[in-house]
Amino acid sequence: MTVSHSIGTASVPYPIESVDNALRLLQLLHEHDELGVTAAARLLGVAPSTAHRLFAMLVFRGFAVQNARRTYEPVPDHLRRTRTEPALSDQAAVLRPLLTNVMRALDETVHFVVLRGTAAFFVEGVEAEHPLRVISRAGLTMPAHCTAAGKAMLGHLSPAEIDALYPRGLPDVYGPAPADLPTLKRQLASVRRAGFAVSREEHERSVVGTAVSLRDQEGRLRGALAVGVASARCPNSRLPELAQHLLDAAAAARPLLSQLGALRGGDTTRR
């Protein structure tokens, strides 16, 4: 017996409700430009916990980002990863030994982060073991403009691309983060000169982030490597040491990421 399910005026054999809900949520997100969990749950007719899980998957796959208002926005097509880009899980598996090495050398928590629209998505983390460590943020998204990893990646965008990414200006966030685009652009210019980015309590109290961009050998931006340190353990004099360990790990990662891209027939687009 064939089972079908009506969606609007159409009838679909062998329906998969979870897939349908995810696709409907993606459509709603593009229709509304911005949605919160409660509103999405009401529109889909599901529990808020279900809507939250659906949003989490859209973020993970690069179709949505969570903004500073804790609502979700669609990722513009031109910022979504290419069809040939290695899967995040594959990249995380390749990078994890390097993250572990940096964690052991510094005794601090280290992350692999990618840019998803205006958000920094923390893909993988290796957590330090001492009591004053920064807890792993793996699986979370944070506003890119006030995190070290986000700034390291935004630093590779042109001023015009920054304007396109923030057509309504920067969102308000806690702390001493840049409040307007001119300030952000000046900071990104400093990031490019220094070769690494720093965020001192701009998104989280008592946390200092240091990050470098992550590229493959063909020059494609693949994300960022970041170390999070409790501010009590991070005087300014320590920043060059943190950055150098990250730069060394990023250099070691380049051929590994290129090999992944070659296995998938990676494109040659450079940013």
C-alpha atoms as a PDB file:
ATOM      1  CA  MET A   1       0.000   0.000   0.000  1.00  0.00           C
ATOM      2  CA  THR A   2       1.344   3.401  -0.945  1.00  0.00           C
ATOM      3  CA  VAL A   3       1.273   6.035   1.772  1.00  0.00           C
ATOM      4  CA  SER A   4       1.085   9.665   0.742  1.00  0.00           C
ATOM      5  CA  HIS A   5       1.081  12.959   2.549  1.00  0.00           C
ATOM      6  CA  SER A   6      -0.533  16.193   1.373  1.00  0.00           C
ATOM      7  CA  ILE A   7       1.620  19.324   1.353  1.00  0.00           C
ATOM      8  CA  GLY A   8      -0.418  22.290   0.211  1.00  0.00           C
ATOM      9  CA  THR A   9      -2.177  21.099  -2.917  1.00  0.00           C
ATOM     10  CA  ALA A  10       0.423  18.405  -3.698  1.00  0.00           C
ATOM     11  CA  SER A  11       0.528  14.804  -2.562  1.00  0.00           C
ATOM     12  CA  VAL A  12       3.898  13.257  -1.755  1.00  0.00           C
ATOM     13  CA  PRO A  13       4.414   9.490  -1.493  1.00  0.00           C
ATOM     14  CA  TYR A  14       6.577   8.207   1.358  1.00  0.00           C
ATOM     15  CA  PRO A  15       6.810  11.493   3.295  1.00  0.00           C
ATOM     16  CA  ILE A  16       9.659  12.217   5.725  1.00  0.00           C
ATOM     17  CA  GLU A  17       8.273  14.694   8.208  1.00  0.00           C
ATOM     18  CA  SER A  18      11.617  15.883   9.586  1.00  0.00           C
ATOM     19  CA  VAL A  19      12.925  16.637   6.091  1.00  0.00           C
ATOM     20  CA  ASP A  20       9.703  18.433   5.221  1.00  0.00           C
ATOM     21  CA  ASN A  21       9.946  20.545   8.370  1.00  0.00           C
ATOM     22  CA  ALA A  22      13.554  21.489   7.643  1.00  0.00           C
ATOM     23  CA  LEU A  23      12.739  22.538   4.085  1.00  0.00           C
ATOM     24  CA  ARG A  24       9.655  24.465   5.200  1.00  0.00           C
ATOM     25  CA  LEU A  25      11.746  26.252   7.817  1.00  0.00           C
ATOM     26  CA  LEU A  26      14.291  27.215   5.173  1.00  0.00           C
ATOM     27  CA  GLN A  27      11.486  28.623   3.023  1.00  0.00           C
ATOM     28  CA  LEU A  28      10.053  30.547   5.970  1.00  0.00           C
ATOM     29  CA  LEU A  29      13.455  31.944   6.791  1.00  0.00           C
ATOM     30  CA  HIS A  30      13.821  33.383   3.299  1.00  0.00           C
ATOM     31  CA  GLU A  31      10.254  34.733   3.353  1.00  0.00           C
ATOM     32  CA  HIS A  32      10.653  36.488   6.725  1.00  0.00           C
ATOM     33  CA  ASP A  33      14.396  37.340   6.533  1.00  0.00           C
ATOM     34  CA  GLU A  34      14.639  36.711  10.285  1.00  0.00           C
ATOM     35  CA  LEU A  35      12.918  34.249  12.630  1.00  0.00           C
ATOM     36  CA  GLY A  36      13.082  33.290  16.280  1.00  0.00           C
ATOM     37  CA  VAL A  37      12.517  29.830  17.686  1.00  0.00           C
ATOM     38  CA  THR A  38       9.059  30.612  19.084  1.00  0.00           C
ATOM     39  CA  ALA A  39       7.773  32.148  15.859  1.00  0.00           C
ATOM     40  CA  ALA A  40       9.217  29.308  13.773  1.00  0.00           C
ATOM     41  CA  ALA A  41       7.625  26.693  16.013  1.00  0.00           C
ATOM     42  CA  ARG A  42       4.226  28.388  15.663  1.00  0.00           C
ATOM     43  CA  LEU A  43       4.473  28.621  11.873  1.00  0.00           C
ATOM     44  CA  LEU A  44       5.591  25.013  11.531  1.00  0.00           C
ATOM     45  CA  GLY A  45       3.174  23.665  14.130  1.00  0.00           C
ATOM     46  CA  VAL A  46       5.948  21.967  16.102  1.00  0.00           C
ATOM     47  CA  ALA A  47       7.359  22.226  19.610  1.00  0.00           C
ATOM     48  CA  PRO A  48       9.968  24.971  20.245  1.00  0.00           C
ATOM     49  CA  SER A  49      12.537  22.277  21.034  1.00  0.00           C
ATOM     50  CA  THR A  50      11.973  20.798  17.576  1.00  0.00           C
ATOM     51  CA  ALA A  51      12.320  24.207  15.923  1.00  0.00           C
ATOM     52  CA  HIS A  52      15.551  24.776  17.834  1.00  0.00           C
ATOM     53  CA  ARG A  53      17.000  21.474  16.579  1.00  0.00           C
ATOM     54  CA  LEU A  54      15.974  22.311  13.009  1.00  0.00           C
ATOM     55  CA  PHE A  55      17.679  25.699  13.236  1.00  0.00           C
ATOM     56  CA  ALA A  56      20.805  24.023  14.615  1.00  0.00           C
ATOM     57  CA  MET A  57      21.004  21.789  11.547  1.00  0.00           C
ATOM     58  CA  LEU A  58      20.505  24.725   9.165  1.00  0.00           C
ATOM     59  CA  VAL A  59      23.362  26.547  10.906  1.00  0.00           C
ATOM     60  CA  PHE A  60      25.589  23.460  10.802  1.00  0.00           C
ATOM     61  CA  ARG A  61      24.985  23.006   7.065  1.00  0.00           C
ATOM     62  CA  GLY A  62      25.584  26.680   6.330  1.00  0.00           C
ATOM     63  CA  PHE A  63      22.033  27.742   5.421  1.00  0.00           C
ATOM     64  CA  ALA A  64      21.373  29.967   8.462  1.00  0.00           C
ATOM     65  CA  VAL A  65      23.159  31.975  11.129  1.00  0.00           C
ATOM     66  CA  GLN A  66      22.155  33.119  14.587  1.00  0.00           C
ATOM     67  CA  ASN A  67      22.525  36.841  15.112  1.00  0.00           C
ATOM     68  CA  ALA A  68      23.106  38.930  18.237  1.00  0.00           C
ATOM     69  CA  ARG A  69      19.338  39.101  18.869  1.00  0.00           C
ATOM     70  CA  ARG A  70      19.306  35.289  19.206  1.00  0.00           C
ATOM     71  CA  THR A  71      17.122  34.993  16.115  1.00  0.00           C
ATOM     72  CA  TYR A  72      18.126  33.356  12.819  1.00  0.00           C
ATOM     73  CA  GLU A  73      18.818  34.747   9.361  1.00  0.00           C
ATOM     74  CA  PRO A  74      19.410  32.988   6.017  1.00  0.00           C
ATOM     75  CA  VAL A  75      22.963  32.903   4.711  1.00  0.00           C
ATOM     76  CA  PRO A  76      23.321  34.681   1.349  1.00  0.00           C
ATOM     77  CA  ASP A  77      23.989  32.278  -1.517  1.00  0.00           C
ATOM     78  CA  HIS A  78      27.384  33.800  -2.316  1.00  0.00           C
ATOM     79  CA  LEU A  79      28.612  33.129   1.235  1.00  0.00           C
ATOM     80  CA  ARG A  80      27.474  29.512   1.395  1.00  0.00           C
ATOM     81  CA  ARG A  81      30.205  26.933   0.976  1.00  0.00           C
ATOM     82  CA  THR A  82      30.748  25.679  -2.542  1.00  0.00           C
ATOM     83  CA  ARG A  83      29.524  22.266  -3.636  1.00  0.00           C
ATOM     84  CA  THR A  84      33.104  21.038  -3.824  1.00  0.00           C
ATOM     85  CA  GLU A  85      34.258  22.391  -0.454  1.00  0.00           C
ATOM     86  CA  PRO A  86      35.196  19.599   1.974  1.00  0.00           C
ATOM     87  CA  ALA A  87      32.572  18.799   4.577  1.00  0.00           C
ATOM     88  CA  LEU A  88      33.065  20.449   7.949  1.00  0.00           C
ATOM     89  CA  SER A  89      33.230  17.052   9.632  1.00  0.00           C
ATOM     90  CA  ASP A  90      36.103  16.030   7.331  1.00  0.00           C
ATOM     91  CA  GLN A  91      37.963  19.269   7.967  1.00  0.00           C
ATOM     92  CA  ALA A  92      37.439  18.959  11.720  1.00  0.00           C
ATOM     93  CA  ALA A  93      38.812  15.400  11.714  1.00  0.00           C
ATOM     94  CA  VAL A  94      41.937  16.512   9.834  1.00  0.00           C
ATOM     95  CA  LEU A  95      42.480  19.527  12.094  1.00  0.00           C
ATOM     96  CA  ARG A  96      41.815  17.902  15.452  1.00  0.00           C
ATOM     97  CA  PRO A  97      45.388  16.576  15.952  1.00  0.00           C
ATOM     98  CA  LEU A  98      46.739  20.063  15.225  1.00  0.00           C
ATOM     99  CA  LEU A  99      44.260  21.608  17.669  1.00  0.00           C
ATOM    100  CA  THR A 100      45.352  19.072  20.271  1.00  0.00           C
ATOM    101  CA  ASN A 101      49.010  19.942  19.745  1.00  0.00           C
ATOM    102  CA  VAL A 102      48.323  23.659  20.229  1.00  0.00           C
ATOM    103  CA  MET A 103      46.215  22.967  23.313  1.00  0.00           C
ATOM    104  CA  ARG A 104      49.049  20.942  24.873  1.00  0.00           C
ATOM    105  CA  ALA A 105      51.670  23.544  24.014  1.00  0.00           C
ATOM    106  CA  LEU A 106      49.652  26.447  25.450  1.00  0.00           C
ATOM    107  CA  ASP A 107      47.475  24.615  27.974  1.00  0.00           C
ATOM    108  CA  GLU A 108      44.511  26.594  26.629  1.00  0.00           C
ATOM    109  CA  THR A 109      41.313  25.725  24.716  1.00  0.00           C
ATOM    110  CA  VAL A 110      41.631  25.799  20.913  1.00  0.00           C
ATOM    111  CA  HIS A 111      38.905  25.904  18.220  1.00  0.00           C
ATOM    112  CA  PHE A 112      38.371  25.475  14.491  1.00  0.00           C
ATOM    113  CA  VAL A 113      35.867  28.118  13.359  1.00  0.00           C
ATOM    114  CA  VAL A 114      34.167  28.927  10.047  1.00  0.00           C
ATOM    115  CA  LEU A 115      32.325  32.008   8.821  1.00  0.00           C
ATOM    116  CA  ARG A 116      28.597  31.632   8.203  1.00  0.00           C
ATOM    117  CA  GLY A 117      27.209  34.968   7.074  1.00  0.00           C
ATOM    118  CA  THR A 118      27.778  37.391   9.955  1.00  0.00           C
ATOM    119  CA  ALA A 119      28.387  34.585  12.465  1.00  0.00           C
ATOM    120  CA  ALA A 120      31.438  32.669  13.559  1.00  0.00           C
ATOM    121  CA  PHE A 121      30.456  28.999  13.843  1.00  0.00           C
ATOM    122  CA  PHE A 122      32.660  27.023  16.243  1.00  0.00           C
ATOM    123  CA  VAL A 123      32.984  23.653  14.518  1.00  0.00           C
ATOM    124  CA  GLU A 124      35.480  21.811  16.697  1.00  0.00           C
ATOM    125  CA  GLY A 125      37.186  22.458  20.008  1.00  0.00           C
ATOM    126  CA  VAL A 126      39.880  20.844  22.121  1.00  0.00           C
ATOM    127  CA  GLU A 127      39.470  21.927  25.730  1.00  0.00           C
ATOM    128  CA  ALA A 128      42.285  22.571  28.183  1.00  0.00           C
ATOM    129  CA  GLU A 129      42.245  20.698  31.476  1.00  0.00           C
ATOM    130  CA  HIS A 130      43.163  23.261  34.132  1.00  0.00           C
ATOM    131  CA  PRO A 131      40.462  24.806  36.386  1.00  0.00           C
ATOM    132  CA  LEU A 132      40.650  28.293  34.824  1.00  0.00           C
ATOM    133  CA  ARG A 133      40.163  27.045  31.258  1.00  0.00           C
ATOM    134  CA  VAL A 134      37.714  28.393  28.709  1.00  0.00           C
ATOM    135  CA  ILE A 135      34.991  25.816  28.074  1.00  0.00           C
ATOM    136  CA  SER A 136      34.730  24.508  24.514  1.00  0.00           C
ATOM    137  CA  ARG A 137      32.308  26.490  22.347  1.00  0.00           C
ATOM    138  CA  ALA A 138      32.020  23.747  19.691  1.00  0.00           C
ATOM    139  CA  GLY A 139      28.562  23.816  18.086  1.00  0.00           C
ATOM    140  CA  LEU A 140      27.874  27.456  19.002  1.00  0.00           C
ATOM    141  CA  THR A 141      27.626  30.550  16.824  1.00  0.00           C
ATOM    142  CA  MET A 142      28.771  34.021  17.871  1.00  0.00           C
ATOM    143  CA  PRO A 143      28.712  37.395  16.104  1.00  0.00           C
ATOM    144  CA  ALA A 144      31.762  37.477  13.863  1.00  0.00           C
ATOM    145  CA  HIS A 145      32.592  41.153  14.385  1.00  0.00           C
ATOM    146  CA  CYS A 146      33.295  40.752  18.117  1.00  0.00           C
ATOM    147  CA  THR A 147      35.187  37.438  18.149  1.00  0.00           C
ATOM    148  CA  ALA A 148      38.835  36.949  17.302  1.00  0.00           C
ATOM    149  CA  ALA A 149      38.062  34.107  14.888  1.00  0.00           C
ATOM    150  CA  GLY A 150      35.382  36.169  13.169  1.00  0.00           C
ATOM    151  CA  LYS A 151      37.715  39.129  12.714  1.00  0.00           C
ATOM    152  CA  ALA A 152      40.478  36.883  11.383  1.00  0.00           C
ATOM    153  CA  MET A 153      38.091  35.690   8.662  1.00  0.00           C
ATOM    154  CA  LEU A 154      36.398  39.045   8.009  1.00  0.00           C
ATOM    155  CA  GLY A 155      39.857  40.471   7.466  1.00  0.00           C
ATOM    156  CA  HIS A 156      39.967  38.642   4.143  1.00  0.00           C
ATOM    157  CA  LEU A 157      36.870  40.428   2.831  1.00  0.00           C
ATOM    158  CA  SER A 158      37.016  43.672   0.891  1.00  0.00           C
ATOM    159  CA  PRO A 159      35.349  46.843   2.247  1.00  0.00           C
ATOM    160  CA  ALA A 160      32.556  46.383  -0.316  1.00  0.00           C
ATOM    161  CA  GLU A 161      31.989  42.805   0.857  1.00  0.00           C
ATOM    162  CA  ILE A 162      31.848  43.994   4.483  1.00  0.00           C
ATOM    163  CA  ASP A 163      29.220  46.579   3.497  1.00  0.00           C
ATOM    164  CA  ALA A 164      27.184  43.877   1.724  1.00  0.00           C
ATOM    165  CA  LEU A 165      27.470  41.583   4.732  1.00  0.00           C
ATOM    166  CA  TYR A 166      26.168  44.264   7.113  1.00  0.00           C
ATOM    167  CA  PRO A 167      23.624  46.299   5.082  1.00  0.00           C
ATOM    168  CA  ARG A 168      21.946  47.511   8.296  1.00  0.00           C
ATOM    169  CA  GLY A 169      25.159  48.141  10.185  1.00  0.00           C
ATOM    170  CA  LEU A 170      26.571  46.146  13.080  1.00  0.00           C
ATOM    171  CA  PRO A 171      24.251  44.545  15.641  1.00  0.00           C
ATOM    172  CA  ASP A 172      24.467  45.742  19.229  1.00  0.00           C
ATOM    173  CA  VAL A 173      26.356  43.374  21.509  1.00  0.00           C
ATOM    174  CA  TYR A 174      27.781  43.380  25.006  1.00  0.00           C
ATOM    175  CA  GLY A 175      31.149  44.860  25.731  1.00  0.00           C
ATOM    176  CA  PRO A 176      33.752  46.918  23.875  1.00  0.00           C
ATOM    177  CA  ALA A 177      33.063  45.442  20.426  1.00  0.00           C
ATOM    178  CA  PRO A 178      33.117  47.788  17.408  1.00  0.00           C
ATOM    179  CA  ALA A 179      29.816  49.643  17.187  1.00  0.00           C
ATOM    180  CA  ASP A 180      29.931  50.795  13.558  1.00  0.00           C
ATOM    181  CA  LEU A 181      31.355  49.711  10.211  1.00  0.00           C
ATOM    182  CA  PRO A 182      34.156  52.324   9.991  1.00  0.00           C
ATOM    183  CA  THR A 183      35.502  51.135  13.357  1.00  0.00           C
ATOM    184  CA  LEU A 184      35.279  47.498  12.284  1.00  0.00           C
ATOM    185  CA  LYS A 185      37.074  48.224   8.999  1.00  0.00           C
ATOM    186  CA  ARG A 186      39.915  49.968  10.882  1.00  0.00           C
ATOM    187  CA  GLN A 187      40.234  46.954  13.164  1.00  0.00           C
ATOM    188  CA  LEU A 188      40.286  44.572  10.204  1.00  0.00           C
ATOM    189  CA  ALA A 189      43.057  46.606   8.600  1.00  0.00           C
ATOM    190  CA  SER A 190      45.051  46.141  11.818  1.00  0.00           C
ATOM    191  CA  VAL A 191      44.326  42.402  11.707  1.00  0.00           C
ATOM    192  CA  ARG A 192      45.727  42.199   8.188  1.00  0.00           C
ATOM    193  CA  ARG A 193      48.896  44.062   9.222  1.00  0.00           C
ATOM    194  CA  ALA A 194      49.466  41.975  12.359  1.00  0.00           C
ATOM    195  CA  GLY A 195      48.526  38.620  10.828  1.00  0.00           C
ATOM    196  CA  PHE A 196      46.275  37.717  13.737  1.00  0.00           C
ATOM    197  CA  ALA A 197      43.159  39.003  15.484  1.00  0.00           C
ATOM    198  CA  VAL A 198      42.395  39.634  19.152  1.00  0.00           C
ATOM    199  CA  SER A 199      39.120  40.015  21.015  1.00  0.00           C
ATOM    200  CA  ARG A 200      39.511  41.085  24.633  1.00  0.00           C
ATOM    201  CA  GLU A 201      36.202  40.508  26.443  1.00  0.00           C
ATOM    202  CA  GLU A 202      34.266  41.821  23.423  1.00  0.00           C
ATOM    203  CA  HIS A 203      31.742  38.981  23.450  1.00  0.00           C
ATOM    204  CA  GLU A 204      32.262  37.240  26.779  1.00  0.00           C
ATOM    205  CA  ARG A 205      33.423  38.630  30.082  1.00  0.00           C
ATOM    206  CA  SER A 206      36.812  37.412  31.284  1.00  0.00           C
ATOM    207  CA  VAL A 207      37.677  35.745  27.949  1.00  0.00           C
ATOM    208  CA  VAL A 208      40.423  36.816  25.559  1.00  0.00           C
ATOM    209  CA  GLY A 209      40.441  35.320  22.073  1.00  0.00           C
ATOM    210  CA  THR A 210      43.346  35.194  19.654  1.00  0.00           C
ATOM    211  CA  ALA A 211      42.899  33.816  16.132  1.00  0.00           C
ATOM    212  CA  VAL A 212      44.491  33.430  12.720  1.00  0.00           C
ATOM    213  CA  SER A 213      42.866  32.717   9.386  1.00  0.00           C
ATOM    214  CA  LEU A 214      43.074  29.239   7.920  1.00  0.00           C
ATOM    215  CA  ARG A 215      43.771  28.748   4.204  1.00  0.00           C
ATOM    216  CA  ASP A 216      44.619  25.814   1.995  1.00  0.00           C
ATOM    217  CA  GLN A 217      47.639  25.809  -0.322  1.00  0.00           C
ATOM    218  CA  GLU A 218      45.579  27.279  -3.175  1.00  0.00           C
ATOM    219  CA  GLY A 219      44.787  30.326  -1.063  1.00  0.00           C
ATOM    220  CA  ARG A 220      41.153  29.502  -0.329  1.00  0.00           C
ATOM    221  CA  LEU A 221      39.904  30.687   3.032  1.00  0.00           C
ATOM    222  CA  ARG A 222      38.761  27.637   5.035  1.00  0.00           C
ATOM    223  CA  GLY A 223      38.088  29.218   8.413  1.00  0.00           C
ATOM    224  CA  ALA A 224      40.134  30.217  11.439  1.00  0.00           C
ATOM    225  CA  LEU A 225      42.063  28.705  14.323  1.00  0.00           C
ATOM    226  CA  ALA A 226      41.423  30.374  17.660  1.00  0.00           C
ATOM    227  CA  VAL A 227      42.578  30.031  21.240  1.00  0.00           C
ATOM    228  CA  GLY A 228      40.414  31.180  24.149  1.00  0.00           C
ATOM    229  CA  VAL A 229      42.125  32.230  27.365  1.00  0.00           C
ATOM    230  CA  ALA A 230      40.808  33.459  30.705  1.00  0.00           C
ATOM    231  CA  SER A 231      41.720  37.148  30.938  1.00  0.00           C
ATOM    232  CA  ALA A 232      43.522  36.509  34.233  1.00  0.00           C
ATOM    233  CA  ARG A 233      45.940  34.249  32.308  1.00  0.00           C
ATOM    234  CA  CYS A 234      46.358  36.514  29.283  1.00  0.00           C
ATOM    235  CA  PRO A 235      48.415  39.708  29.645  1.00  0.00           C
ATOM    236  CA  ASN A 236      49.112  41.509  26.384  1.00  0.00           C
ATOM    237  CA  SER A 237      52.674  40.211  26.494  1.00  0.00           C
ATOM    238  CA  ARG A 238      51.355  36.675  25.929  1.00  0.00           C
ATOM    239  CA  LEU A 239      49.492  37.450  22.690  1.00  0.00           C
ATOM    240  CA  PRO A 240      52.472  37.001  20.317  1.00  0.00           C
ATOM    241  CA  GLU A 241      53.134  33.529  21.765  1.00  0.00           C
ATOM    242  CA  LEU A 242      49.502  32.501  21.289  1.00  0.00           C
ATOM    243  CA  ALA A 243      49.444  33.851  17.745  1.00  0.00           C
ATOM    244  CA  GLN A 244      52.694  32.131  16.753  1.00  0.00           C
ATOM    245  CA  HIS A 245      51.448  28.687  17.821  1.00  0.00           C
ATOM    246  CA  LEU A 246      48.261  29.262  15.814  1.00  0.00           C
ATOM    247  CA  LEU A 247      50.201  30.479  12.766  1.00  0.00           C
ATOM    248  CA  ASP A 248      52.403  27.370  12.891  1.00  0.00           C
ATOM    249  CA  ALA A 249      49.325  25.125  13.107  1.00  0.00           C
ATOM    250  CA  ALA A 250      47.641  26.976  10.229  1.00  0.00           C
ATOM    251  CA  ALA A 251      50.748  26.484   8.080  1.00  0.00           C
ATOM    252  CA  ALA A 252      50.780  22.758   8.890  1.00  0.00           C
ATOM    253  CA  ALA A 253      47.074  22.524   8.006  1.00  0.00           C
ATOM    254  CA  ARG A 254      47.384  23.961   4.487  1.00  0.00           C
ATOM    255  CA  PRO A 255      48.498  20.805   2.643  1.00  0.00           C
ATOM    256  CA  LEU A 256      46.014  18.687   4.613  1.00  0.00           C
ATOM    257  CA  LEU A 257      43.107  20.916   3.606  1.00  0.00           C
ATOM    258  CA  SER A 258      44.274  20.956  -0.010  1.00  0.00           C
ATOM    259  CA  GLN A 259      44.314  17.174  -0.037  1.00  0.00           C
ATOM    260  CA  LEU A 260      40.707  17.158   1.155  1.00  0.00           C
ATOM    261  CA  GLY A 261      39.766  19.624  -1.576  1.00  0.00           C
ATOM    262  CA  ALA A 262      41.512  17.518  -4.215  1.00  0.00           C
ATOM    263  CA  LEU A 263      39.582  14.430  -3.129  1.00  0.00           C
ATOM    264  CA  ARG A 264      36.356  16.350  -3.756  1.00  0.00           C
ATOM    265  CA  GLY A 265      37.543  18.009  -6.948  1.00  0.00           C
ATOM    266  CA  GLY A 266      37.788  21.363  -5.160  1.00  0.00           C
ATOM    267  CA  ASP A 267      37.372  24.557  -7.162  1.00  0.00           C
ATOM    268  CA  THR A 268      40.129  27.113  -7.573  1.00  0.00           C
ATOM    269  CA  THR A 269      38.256  30.161  -6.385  1.00  0.00           C
ATOM    270  CA  ARG A 270      40.362  32.371  -4.170  1.00  0.00           C
ATOM    271  CA  ARG A 271      39.247  35.038  -1.816  1.00  0.00           C
END
